[in-house]
């Protein structure tokens, strides 16, 4: 659990550093606040879909059950 929190903190720090802007779209925390766009009229789906795609990718890589199959 501490490693997960550490990864989230590191991701937030790297997201605020402009020199590493090339990796910003791949960071966990880059699109986290995009769900606030759903409360706007009209809803802006671009960042929400980008965040969902990124989170599905992380779940597929790190959340896939090991030892099955």
N, C-alpha and C. Protein backbone atom coordinates (compact mmCIF):
# COMPACT_ATOMS: atom_id res chain seq x y z
N UNK A 1 0.82 -1.17 0.00
CA UNK A 1 0.00 0.00 0.00
C UNK A 1 0.88 1.25 0.00
N UNK A 2 1.98 1.21 0.72
CA UNK A 2 2.88 2.35 0.75
C UNK A 2 3.49 2.60 -0.62
N UNK A 3 3.77 1.54 -1.36
CA UNK A 3 4.33 1.71 -2.70
C UNK A 3 3.33 2.37 -3.64
N UNK A 4 2.05 2.05 -3.49
CA UNK A 4 1.02 2.66 -4.32
C UNK A 4 0.90 4.15 -4.03
N UNK A 5 0.90 4.50 -2.77
CA UNK A 5 0.83 5.92 -2.39
C UNK A 5 2.09 6.64 -2.86
N UNK A 6 3.24 6.00 -2.71
CA UNK A 6 4.48 6.60 -3.19
C UNK A 6 4.48 6.82 -4.69
N UNK A 7 3.91 5.87 -5.44
CA UNK A 7 3.81 6.02 -6.89
C UNK A 7 2.88 7.18 -7.26
N UNK A 8 1.78 7.32 -6.53
CA UNK A 8 0.85 8.42 -6.80
C UNK A 8 1.50 9.77 -6.49
N UNK A 9 2.24 9.85 -5.40
CA UNK A 9 2.93 11.10 -5.05
C UNK A 9 4.01 11.41 -6.08
N UNK A 10 4.79 10.42 -6.48
CA UNK A 10 5.82 10.62 -7.49
C UNK A 10 5.21 11.06 -8.82
N UNK A 11 4.09 10.46 -9.18
CA UNK A 11 3.40 10.83 -10.41
C UNK A 11 2.92 12.27 -10.36
N UNK A 12 2.40 12.70 -9.22
CA UNK A 12 1.93 14.08 -9.08
C UNK A 12 3.09 15.07 -9.15
N UNK A 13 4.21 14.71 -8.55
CA UNK A 13 5.39 15.58 -8.61
C UNK A 13 5.90 15.69 -10.04
N UNK A 14 6.03 14.55 -10.73
CA UNK A 14 6.50 14.58 -12.12
C UNK A 14 5.53 15.31 -13.03
N UNK A 15 4.24 15.27 -12.71
CA UNK A 15 3.25 15.97 -13.54
C UNK A 15 3.38 17.48 -13.41
N UNK A 16 3.96 17.95 -12.33
CA UNK A 16 4.12 19.39 -12.15
C UNK A 16 5.45 19.92 -12.68
N UNK A 17 6.35 19.04 -13.10
CA UNK A 17 7.65 19.46 -13.63
C UNK A 17 7.55 19.56 -15.15
N UNK A 18 7.76 20.76 -15.67
CA UNK A 18 7.58 20.97 -17.11
C UNK A 18 8.68 20.34 -17.96
N UNK A 19 9.84 20.07 -17.39
CA UNK A 19 10.94 19.49 -18.16
C UNK A 19 10.65 18.06 -18.59
N UNK A 20 9.74 17.38 -17.94
CA UNK A 20 9.40 16.00 -18.31
C UNK A 20 8.00 15.95 -18.93
N UNK A 21 7.66 16.97 -19.68
CA UNK A 21 6.31 17.06 -20.26
C UNK A 21 6.04 15.94 -21.27
N UNK A 22 7.08 15.29 -21.77
CA UNK A 22 6.88 14.20 -22.72
C UNK A 22 6.18 13.00 -22.08
N UNK A 23 6.36 12.82 -20.78
CA UNK A 23 5.73 11.67 -20.12
C UNK A 23 4.44 12.05 -19.39
N UNK A 24 4.04 13.30 -19.41
CA UNK A 24 2.81 13.72 -18.71
C UNK A 24 1.58 12.91 -19.11
N UNK A 25 1.32 12.65 -20.39
CA UNK A 25 0.11 11.89 -20.73
C UNK A 25 0.11 10.46 -20.20
N UNK A 26 1.25 9.92 -19.80
CA UNK A 26 1.34 8.55 -19.31
C UNK A 26 1.30 8.45 -17.79
N UNK A 27 1.27 9.58 -17.11
CA UNK A 27 1.27 9.58 -15.65
C UNK A 27 -0.13 9.33 -15.11
N UNK A 28 -0.20 8.62 -13.99
CA UNK A 28 -1.49 8.31 -13.37
C UNK A 28 -2.28 9.56 -13.00
N UNK A 29 -1.62 10.58 -12.53
CA UNK A 29 -2.32 11.76 -12.00
C UNK A 29 -2.58 12.84 -13.02
N UNK A 30 -2.17 12.66 -14.25
CA UNK A 30 -2.30 13.74 -15.24
C UNK A 30 -3.76 14.08 -15.56
N UNK A 31 -4.60 13.10 -15.71
CA UNK A 31 -6.00 13.34 -16.08
C UNK A 31 -6.96 13.13 -14.92
N UNK A 32 -6.48 13.00 -13.69
CA UNK A 32 -7.36 12.67 -12.58
C UNK A 32 -8.48 13.67 -12.36
N UNK A 33 -8.25 14.93 -12.60
CA UNK A 33 -9.27 15.95 -12.37
C UNK A 33 -10.20 16.14 -13.57
N UNK A 34 -10.03 15.34 -14.60
CA UNK A 34 -10.84 15.52 -15.81
C UNK A 34 -12.29 15.12 -15.60
N UNK A 35 -12.60 14.34 -14.56
CA UNK A 35 -13.99 13.95 -14.34
C UNK A 35 -14.84 15.14 -13.92
N UNK A 36 -14.23 16.23 -13.52
CA UNK A 36 -14.98 17.46 -13.26
C UNK A 36 -15.59 18.03 -14.53
N UNK A 37 -15.03 17.67 -15.68
CA UNK A 37 -15.58 18.13 -16.96
C UNK A 37 -16.96 17.55 -17.23
N UNK A 38 -17.32 16.46 -16.55
CA UNK A 38 -18.65 15.88 -16.74
C UNK A 38 -19.74 16.76 -16.12
N UNK A 39 -19.36 17.65 -15.23
CA UNK A 39 -20.33 18.54 -14.58
C UNK A 39 -20.56 19.81 -15.37
N UNK A 40 -19.85 20.01 -16.44
CA UNK A 40 -20.02 21.19 -17.28
C UNK A 40 -21.14 20.97 -18.28
N UNK A 41 -21.65 22.07 -18.78
CA UNK A 41 -22.67 21.98 -19.83
C UNK A 41 -22.15 22.73 -21.04
N UNK A 42 -21.91 22.09 -22.15
CA UNK A 42 -21.94 20.67 -22.43
C UNK A 42 -20.69 19.99 -21.86
N UNK A 43 -20.81 18.72 -21.63
CA UNK A 43 -19.71 17.95 -21.04
C UNK A 43 -18.56 17.83 -22.04
N UNK A 44 -17.35 18.00 -21.54
CA UNK A 44 -16.15 17.85 -22.37
C UNK A 44 -15.62 16.44 -22.18
N UNK A 45 -15.80 15.60 -23.18
CA UNK A 45 -15.47 14.18 -23.06
C UNK A 45 -14.04 13.85 -23.44
N UNK A 46 -13.33 14.77 -24.05
CA UNK A 46 -11.99 14.45 -24.56
C UNK A 46 -11.05 13.99 -23.44
N UNK A 47 -10.92 14.76 -22.38
CA UNK A 47 -10.01 14.39 -21.30
C UNK A 47 -10.54 13.21 -20.49
N UNK A 48 -11.86 13.08 -20.38
CA UNK A 48 -12.43 11.96 -19.62
C UNK A 48 -12.12 10.64 -20.33
N UNK A 49 -12.28 10.61 -21.64
CA UNK A 49 -11.99 9.40 -22.40
C UNK A 49 -10.49 9.10 -22.37
N UNK A 50 -9.66 10.14 -22.44
CA UNK A 50 -8.21 9.93 -22.36
C UNK A 50 -7.84 9.33 -21.01
N UNK A 51 -8.47 9.80 -19.93
CA UNK A 51 -8.19 9.26 -18.60
C UNK A 51 -8.67 7.82 -18.48
N UNK A 52 -9.84 7.52 -18.98
CA UNK A 52 -10.35 6.15 -18.91
C UNK A 52 -9.45 5.19 -19.69
N UNK A 53 -8.98 5.61 -20.84
CA UNK A 53 -8.08 4.79 -21.65
C UNK A 53 -6.77 4.53 -20.90
N UNK A 54 -6.24 5.55 -20.25
CA UNK A 54 -5.01 5.39 -19.48
C UNK A 54 -5.20 4.46 -18.29
N UNK A 55 -6.32 4.62 -17.58
CA UNK A 55 -6.56 3.78 -16.41
C UNK A 55 -6.79 2.32 -16.80
N UNK A 56 -7.47 2.07 -17.92
CA UNK A 56 -7.66 0.70 -18.40
C UNK A 56 -6.31 0.08 -18.76
N UNK A 57 -5.43 0.87 -19.34
CA UNK A 57 -4.09 0.37 -19.66
C UNK A 57 -3.32 -0.02 -18.41
N UNK A 58 -3.39 0.81 -17.37
CA UNK A 58 -2.70 0.48 -16.12
C UNK A 58 -3.31 -0.76 -15.47
N UNK A 59 -4.62 -0.90 -15.51
CA UNK A 59 -5.25 -2.09 -14.94
C UNK A 59 -4.86 -3.33 -15.73
N UNK A 60 -4.79 -3.20 -17.05
CA UNK A 60 -4.43 -4.35 -17.87
C UNK A 60 -2.99 -4.81 -17.61
N UNK A 61 -2.10 -3.87 -17.37
CA UNK A 61 -0.70 -4.23 -17.15
C UNK A 61 -0.44 -4.66 -15.71
N UNK A 62 -0.92 -3.88 -14.75
CA UNK A 62 -0.58 -4.15 -13.36
C UNK A 62 -1.65 -4.90 -12.59
N UNK A 63 -2.86 -4.95 -13.10
CA UNK A 63 -3.93 -5.59 -12.38
C UNK A 63 -4.32 -6.95 -12.90
N UNK A 64 -3.67 -7.38 -13.98
CA UNK A 64 -3.99 -8.68 -14.56
C UNK A 64 -3.59 -9.76 -13.58
N UNK A 65 -4.50 -10.70 -13.27
CA UNK A 65 -4.15 -11.74 -12.30
C UNK A 65 -3.02 -12.63 -12.78
N UNK A 66 -2.01 -12.74 -11.98
CA UNK A 66 -0.86 -13.57 -12.31
C UNK A 66 -1.15 -15.01 -11.92
N UNK A 67 -0.64 -15.93 -12.68
CA UNK A 67 -0.79 -17.33 -12.37
C UNK A 67 -2.03 -17.98 -12.96
N UNK A 68 -2.86 -17.21 -13.65
CA UNK A 68 -4.03 -17.80 -14.30
C UNK A 68 -3.65 -18.18 -15.72
N UNK A 69 -4.11 -19.29 -16.16
CA UNK A 69 -3.91 -19.67 -17.54
C UNK A 69 -2.81 -20.54 -17.77
